């Protein structure tokens, strides 16, 4: 997917789903390896400890999506 707003929505959906398993986003970065169709891939680290507020987490996601441009 190349639309950055779609990337953000999907990442937020995954983060919300992970909360159902008591997992919280700890770090997010762009993978140096592109997908098979040239799409941007992301690497996410989740932990049992919630260290970010929702606002901080969304800023982290936004910062990584902006890096993609």
PDB file of N, CA and C in Angstrom:
ATOM      1  N   UNK A   1       0.839  -1.177   0.000  1.00  0.00           N
ATOM      2  CA  UNK A   1       0.000   0.000   0.000  1.00  0.00           C
ATOM      3  C   UNK A   1       0.877   1.231   0.000  1.00  0.00           C
ATOM      4  N   UNK A   2       0.496   2.182  -0.781  1.00  0.00           N
ATOM      5  CA  UNK A   2       1.326   3.371  -0.911  1.00  0.00           C
ATOM      6  C   UNK A   2       0.677   4.617  -0.306  1.00  0.00           C
ATOM      7  N   UNK A   3      -0.596   4.564  -0.009  1.00  0.00           N
ATOM      8  CA  UNK A   3      -1.281   5.709   0.590  1.00  0.00           C
ATOM      9  C   UNK A   3      -0.935   5.760   2.077  1.00  0.00           C
ATOM     10  N   UNK A   4      -0.299   6.845   2.505  1.00  0.00           N
ATOM     11  CA  UNK A   4       0.193   6.938   3.875  1.00  0.00           C
ATOM     12  C   UNK A   4      -0.919   6.935   4.914  1.00  0.00           C
ATOM     13  N   UNK A   5      -2.076   7.479   4.582  1.00  0.00           N
ATOM     14  CA  UNK A   5      -3.196   7.456   5.535  1.00  0.00           C
ATOM     15  C   UNK A   5      -3.693   6.024   5.743  1.00  0.00           C
ATOM     16  N   UNK A   6      -3.641   5.227   4.694  1.00  0.00           N
ATOM     17  CA  UNK A   6      -4.027   3.816   4.830  1.00  0.00           C
ATOM     18  C   UNK A   6      -3.000   3.097   5.702  1.00  0.00           C
ATOM     19  N   UNK A   7      -1.715   3.389   5.502  1.00  0.00           N
ATOM     20  CA  UNK A   7      -0.672   2.805   6.353  1.00  0.00           C
ATOM     21  C   UNK A   7      -0.964   3.116   7.817  1.00  0.00           C
ATOM     22  N   UNK A   8      -1.256   4.379   8.099  1.00  0.00           N
ATOM     23  CA  UNK A   8      -1.508   4.792   9.483  1.00  0.00           C
ATOM     24  C   UNK A   8      -2.707   4.058  10.061  1.00  0.00           C
ATOM     25  N   UNK A   9      -3.782   3.961   9.295  1.00  0.00           N
ATOM     26  CA  UNK A   9      -4.984   3.282   9.787  1.00  0.00           C
ATOM     27  C   UNK A   9      -4.696   1.816  10.093  1.00  0.00           C
ATOM     28  N   UNK A  10      -3.971   1.152   9.213  1.00  0.00           N
ATOM     29  CA  UNK A  10      -3.668  -0.265   9.425  1.00  0.00           C
ATOM     30  C   UNK A  10      -2.777  -0.446  10.651  1.00  0.00           C
ATOM     31  N   UNK A  11      -1.769   0.400  10.797  1.00  0.00           N
ATOM     32  CA  UNK A  11      -0.892   0.306  11.969  1.00  0.00           C
ATOM     33  C   UNK A  11      -1.692   0.543  13.247  1.00  0.00           C
ATOM     34  N   UNK A  12      -2.551   1.554  13.254  1.00  0.00           N
ATOM     35  CA  UNK A  12      -3.382   1.822  14.439  1.00  0.00           C
ATOM     36  C   UNK A  12      -4.311   0.651  14.736  1.00  0.00           C
ATOM     37  N   UNK A  13      -4.868   0.023  13.700  1.00  0.00           N
ATOM     38  CA  UNK A  13      -5.733  -1.151  13.895  1.00  0.00           C
ATOM     39  C   UNK A  13      -4.953  -2.296  14.542  1.00  0.00           C
ATOM     40  N   UNK A  14      -3.731  -2.524  14.076  1.00  0.00           N
ATOM     41  CA  UNK A  14      -2.898  -3.589  14.647  1.00  0.00           C
ATOM     42  C   UNK A  14      -2.568  -3.283  16.105  1.00  0.00           C
ATOM     43  N   UNK A  15      -2.225  -2.026  16.384  1.00  0.00           N
ATOM     44  CA  UNK A  15      -1.905  -1.620  17.756  1.00  0.00           C
ATOM     45  C   UNK A  15      -3.118  -1.830  18.666  1.00  0.00           C
ATOM     46  N   UNK A  16      -4.293  -1.465  18.196  1.00  0.00           N
ATOM     47  CA  UNK A  16      -5.513  -1.650  18.992  1.00  0.00           C
ATOM     48  C   UNK A  16      -5.807  -3.132  19.211  1.00  0.00           C
ATOM     49  N   UNK A  17      -5.647  -3.950  18.175  1.00  0.00           N
ATOM     50  CA  UNK A  17      -5.867  -5.394  18.317  1.00  0.00           C
ATOM     51  C   UNK A  17      -4.883  -6.003  19.309  1.00  0.00           C
ATOM     52  N   UNK A  18      -3.641  -5.549  19.289  1.00  0.00           N
ATOM     53  CA  UNK A  18      -2.621  -6.075  20.200  1.00  0.00           C
ATOM     54  C   UNK A  18      -2.994  -5.817  21.658  1.00  0.00           C
ATOM     55  N   UNK A  19      -3.685  -4.710  21.913  1.00  0.00           N
ATOM     56  CA  UNK A  19      -4.102  -4.395  23.285  1.00  0.00           C
ATOM     57  C   UNK A  19      -5.017  -5.478  23.853  1.00  0.00           C
ATOM     58  N   UNK A  20      -5.760  -6.175  22.984  1.00  0.00           N
ATOM     59  CA  UNK A  20      -6.614  -7.279  23.439  1.00  0.00           C
ATOM     60  C   UNK A  20      -5.795  -8.409  24.051  1.00  0.00           C
ATOM     61  N   UNK A  21      -4.514  -8.459  23.736  1.00  0.00           N
ATOM     62  CA  UNK A  21      -3.601  -9.478  24.259  1.00  0.00           C
ATOM     63  C   UNK A  21      -2.614  -8.879  25.259  1.00  0.00           C
ATOM     64  N   UNK A  22      -2.963  -7.712  25.768  1.00  0.00           N
ATOM     65  CA  UNK A  22      -2.116  -6.982  26.722  1.00  0.00           C
ATOM     66  C   UNK A  22      -0.720  -6.724  26.162  1.00  0.00           C
ATOM     67  N   UNK A  23      -0.670  -6.385  24.880  1.00  0.00           N
ATOM     68  CA  UNK A  23       0.580  -6.007  24.227  1.00  0.00           C
ATOM     69  C   UNK A  23       0.472  -4.560  23.773  1.00  0.00           C
ATOM     70  N   UNK A  24       1.541  -3.802  23.990  1.00  0.00           N
ATOM     71  CA  UNK A  24       1.530  -2.377  23.698  1.00  0.00           C
ATOM     72  C   UNK A  24       2.724  -2.023  22.814  1.00  0.00           C
ATOM     73  N   UNK A  25       2.502  -1.110  21.898  1.00  0.00           N
ATOM     74  CA  UNK A  25       3.557  -0.695  20.986  1.00  0.00           C
ATOM     75  C   UNK A  25       4.686  -0.029  21.765  1.00  0.00           C
ATOM     76  N   UNK A  26       5.888  -0.540  21.564  1.00  0.00           N
ATOM     77  CA  UNK A  26       7.067   0.021  22.219  1.00  0.00           C
ATOM     78  C   UNK A  26       7.952   0.763  21.218  1.00  0.00           C
ATOM     79  N   UNK A  27       7.982   0.263  19.981  1.00  0.00           N
ATOM     80  CA  UNK A  27       8.804   0.916  18.972  1.00  0.00           C
ATOM     81  C   UNK A  27       8.279   0.550  17.590  1.00  0.00           C
ATOM     82  N   UNK A  28       8.487   1.441  16.645  1.00  0.00           N
ATOM     83  CA  UNK A  28       8.066   1.234  15.262  1.00  0.00           C
ATOM     84  C   UNK A  28       9.112   1.858  14.360  1.00  0.00           C
ATOM     85  N   UNK A  29       9.469   1.144  13.314  1.00  0.00           N
ATOM     86  CA  UNK A  29      10.443   1.669  12.361  1.00  0.00           C
ATOM     87  C   UNK A  29      10.133   1.132  10.971  1.00  0.00           C
ATOM     88  N   UNK A  30      10.645   1.815   9.976  1.00  0.00           N
ATOM     89  CA  UNK A  30      10.473   1.365   8.602  1.00  0.00           C
ATOM     90  C   UNK A  30      11.509   0.283   8.328  1.00  0.00           C
ATOM     91  N   UNK A  31      11.077  -0.826   7.751  1.00  0.00           N
ATOM     92  CA  UNK A  31      11.992  -1.901   7.398  1.00  0.00           C
ATOM     93  C   UNK A  31      12.893  -1.461   6.247  1.00  0.00           C
ATOM     94  N   UNK A  32      14.164  -1.837   6.298  1.00  0.00           N
ATOM     95  CA  UNK A  32      15.046  -1.516   5.171  1.00  0.00           C
ATOM     96  C   UNK A  32      14.739  -2.370   3.940  1.00  0.00           C
ATOM     97  N   UNK A  33      13.931  -3.399   4.115  1.00  0.00           N
ATOM     98  CA  UNK A  33      13.582  -4.309   3.022  1.00  0.00           C
ATOM     99  C   UNK A  33      12.177  -3.982   2.538  1.00  0.00           C
ATOM    100  N   UNK A  34      12.030  -3.738   1.258  1.00  0.00           N
ATOM    101  CA  UNK A  34      10.716  -3.473   0.661  1.00  0.00           C
ATOM    102  C   UNK A  34       9.972  -4.792   0.469  1.00  0.00           C
ATOM    103  N   UNK A  35       8.647  -4.711   0.398  1.00  0.00           N
ATOM    104  CA  UNK A  35       7.834  -5.877   0.104  1.00  0.00           C
ATOM    105  C   UNK A  35       8.054  -6.335  -1.332  1.00  0.00           C
ATOM    106  N   UNK A  36       7.478  -7.480  -1.686  1.00  0.00           N
ATOM    107  CA  UNK A  36       7.701  -8.050  -3.019  1.00  0.00           C
ATOM    108  C   UNK A  36       7.221  -7.145  -4.142  1.00  0.00           C
ATOM    109  N   UNK A  37       6.259  -6.286  -3.858  1.00  0.00           N
ATOM    110  CA  UNK A  37       5.752  -5.357  -4.874  1.00  0.00           C
ATOM    111  C   UNK A  37       6.297  -3.946  -4.667  1.00  0.00           C
ATOM    112  N   UNK A  38       7.352  -3.822  -3.869  1.00  0.00           N
ATOM    113  CA  UNK A  38       7.964  -2.516  -3.634  1.00  0.00           C
ATOM    114  C   UNK A  38       7.303  -1.710  -2.535  1.00  0.00           C
ATOM    115  N   UNK A  39       6.384  -2.328  -1.814  1.00  0.00           N
ATOM    116  CA  UNK A  39       5.685  -1.620  -0.744  1.00  0.00           C
ATOM    117  C   UNK A  39       6.572  -1.444   0.483  1.00  0.00           C
ATOM    118  N   UNK A  40       6.300  -0.400   1.223  1.00  0.00           N
ATOM    119  CA  UNK A  40       7.002  -0.166   2.478  1.00  0.00           C
ATOM    120  C   UNK A  40       6.499  -1.149   3.521  1.00  0.00           C
ATOM    121  N   UNK A  41       7.433  -1.734   4.245  1.00  0.00           N
ATOM    122  CA  UNK A  41       7.114  -2.633   5.350  1.00  0.00           C
ATOM    123  C   UNK A  41       7.570  -1.958   6.640  1.00  0.00           C
ATOM    124  N   UNK A  42       6.931  -2.299   7.741  1.00  0.00           N
ATOM    125  CA  UNK A  42       7.278  -1.729   9.040  1.00  0.00           C
ATOM    126  C   UNK A  42       7.656  -2.845   9.999  1.00  0.00           C
ATOM    127  N   UNK A  43       8.518  -2.521  10.937  1.00  0.00           N
ATOM    128  CA  UNK A  43       8.880  -3.428  12.017  1.00  0.00           C
ATOM    129  C   UNK A  43       8.355  -2.815  13.306  1.00  0.00           C
ATOM    130  N   UNK A  44       7.642  -3.619  14.080  1.00  0.00           N
ATOM    131  CA  UNK A  44       7.068  -3.121  15.329  1.00  0.00           C
ATOM    132  C   UNK A  44       7.519  -3.999  16.486  1.00  0.00           C
ATOM    133  N   UNK A  45       7.788  -3.368  17.599  1.00  0.00           N
ATOM    134  CA  UNK A  45       8.124  -4.083  18.828  1.00  0.00           C
ATOM    135  C   UNK A  45       7.004  -3.821  19.827  1.00  0.00           C
ATOM    136  N   UNK A  46       6.460  -4.902  20.369  1.00  0.00           N
ATOM    137  CA  UNK A  46       5.398  -4.804  21.362  1.00  0.00           C
ATOM    138  C   UNK A  46       5.911  -5.345  22.686  1.00  0.00           C
ATOM    139  N   UNK A  47       5.375  -4.822  23.778  1.00  0.00           N
ATOM    140  CA  UNK A  47       5.738  -5.320  25.102  1.00  0.00           C
ATOM    141  C   UNK A  47       4.500  -5.346  25.983  1.00  0.00           C
ATOM    142  N   UNK A  48       4.643  -5.954  27.139  1.00  0.00           N
ATOM    143  CA  UNK A  48       3.540  -6.036  28.100  1.00  0.00           C
ATOM    144  C   UNK A  48       3.368  -4.735  28.878  1.00  0.00           C
ATOM    145  N   UNK A  49       4.354  -3.862  28.796  1.00  0.00           N
ATOM    146  CA  UNK A  49       4.322  -2.612  29.555  1.00  0.00           C
ATOM    147  C   UNK A  49       3.923  -1.466  28.632  1.00  0.00           C
ATOM    148  N   UNK A  50       2.923  -0.722  29.029  1.00  0.00           N
ATOM    149  CA  UNK A  50       2.466   0.426  28.249  1.00  0.00           C
ATOM    150  C   UNK A  50       3.284   1.649  28.659  1.00  0.00           C
ATOM    151  N   UNK A  51       4.240   2.033  27.810  1.00  0.00           N
ATOM    152  CA  UNK A  51       5.145   3.128  28.177  1.00  0.00           C
ATOM    153  C   UNK A  51       4.794   4.446  27.499  1.00  0.00           C
ATOM    154  N   UNK A  52       3.849   4.424  26.556  1.00  0.00           N
ATOM    155  CA  UNK A  52       3.477   5.637  25.830  1.00  0.00           C
ATOM    156  C   UNK A  52       2.002   5.960  26.023  1.00  0.00           C
ATOM    157  N   UNK A  53       1.702   7.247  26.071  1.00  0.00           N
ATOM    158  CA  UNK A  53       0.300   7.664  26.021  1.00  0.00           C
ATOM    159  C   UNK A  53      -0.188   7.444  24.593  1.00  0.00           C
ATOM    160  N   UNK A  54      -1.493   7.482  24.396  1.00  0.00           N
ATOM    161  CA  UNK A  54      -2.038   7.329  23.041  1.00  0.00           C
ATOM    162  C   UNK A  54      -1.487   8.406  22.114  1.00  0.00           C
ATOM    163  N   UNK A  55      -1.347   9.621  22.635  1.00  0.00           N
ATOM    164  CA  UNK A  55      -0.826  10.727  21.820  1.00  0.00           C
ATOM    165  C   UNK A  55       0.626  10.469  21.416  1.00  0.00           C
ATOM    166  N   UNK A  56       1.452  10.025  22.356  1.00  0.00           N
ATOM    167  CA  UNK A  56       2.860   9.735  22.050  1.00  0.00           C
ATOM    168  C   UNK A  56       2.988   8.603  21.033  1.00  0.00           C
ATOM    169  N   UNK A  57       2.150   7.582  21.183  1.00  0.00           N
ATOM    170  CA  UNK A  57       2.175   6.460  20.261  1.00  0.00           C
ATOM    171  C   UNK A  57       1.800   6.912  18.855  1.00  0.00           C
ATOM    172  N   UNK A  58       0.770   7.735  18.752  1.00  0.00           N
ATOM    173  CA  UNK A  58       0.347   8.226  17.444  1.00  0.00           C
ATOM    174  C   UNK A  58       1.423   9.116  16.820  1.00  0.00           C
ATOM    175  N   UNK A  59       2.119   9.903  17.638  1.00  0.00           N
ATOM    176  CA  UNK A  59       3.226  10.721  17.131  1.00  0.00           C
ATOM    177  C   UNK A  59       4.346   9.838  16.583  1.00  0.00           C
ATOM    178  N   UNK A  60       4.639   8.732  17.275  1.00  0.00           N
ATOM    179  CA  UNK A  60       5.664   7.808  16.798  1.00  0.00           C
ATOM    180  C   UNK A  60       5.273   7.239  15.433  1.00  0.00           C
ATOM    181  N   UNK A  61       4.021   6.858  15.295  1.00  0.00           N
ATOM    182  CA  UNK A  61       3.524   6.333  14.024  1.00  0.00           C
ATOM    183  C   UNK A  61       3.619   7.407  12.944  1.00  0.00           C
ATOM    184  N   UNK A  62       3.146   8.603  13.251  1.00  0.00           N
ATOM    185  CA  UNK A  62       3.202   9.706  12.278  1.00  0.00           C
ATOM    186  C   UNK A  62       4.637   9.994  11.840  1.00  0.00           C
ATOM    187  N   UNK A  63       5.571  10.004  12.793  1.00  0.00           N
ATOM    188  CA  UNK A  63       6.972  10.285  12.463  1.00  0.00           C
ATOM    189  C   UNK A  63       7.539   9.242  11.508  1.00  0.00           C
ATOM    190  N   UNK A  64       7.194   7.985  11.714  1.00  0.00           N
ATOM    191  CA  UNK A  64       7.692   6.932  10.832  1.00  0.00           C
ATOM    192  C   UNK A  64       7.048   6.997   9.462  1.00  0.00           C
ATOM    193  N   UNK A  65       5.788   7.337   9.417  1.00  0.00           N
ATOM    194  CA  UNK A  65       5.110   7.441   8.126  1.00  0.00           C
ATOM    195  C   UNK A  65       5.676   8.618   7.344  1.00  0.00           C
ATOM    196  N   UNK A  66       5.981   9.716   8.022  1.00  0.00           N
ATOM    197  CA  UNK A  66       6.581  10.876   7.350  1.00  0.00           C
ATOM    198  C   UNK A  66       7.965  10.544   6.799  1.00  0.00           C
ATOM    199  N   UNK A  67       8.719   9.713   7.522  1.00  0.00           N
ATOM    200  CA  UNK A  67      10.052   9.304   7.060  1.00  0.00           C
ATOM    201  C   UNK A  67       9.974   8.573   5.732  1.00  0.00           C
ATOM    202  N   UNK A  68       8.850   7.924   5.502  1.00  0.00           N
ATOM    203  CA  UNK A  68       8.686   7.130   4.290  1.00  0.00           C
ATOM    204  C   UNK A  68       8.661   7.996   3.043  1.00  0.00           C
ATOM    205  N   UNK A  69       8.153   9.201   3.160  1.00  0.00           N
ATOM    206  CA  UNK A  69       7.988  10.075   1.983  1.00  0.00           C
ATOM    207  C   UNK A  69       9.289  10.311   1.258  1.00  0.00           C
TER     208      UNK A  69
END
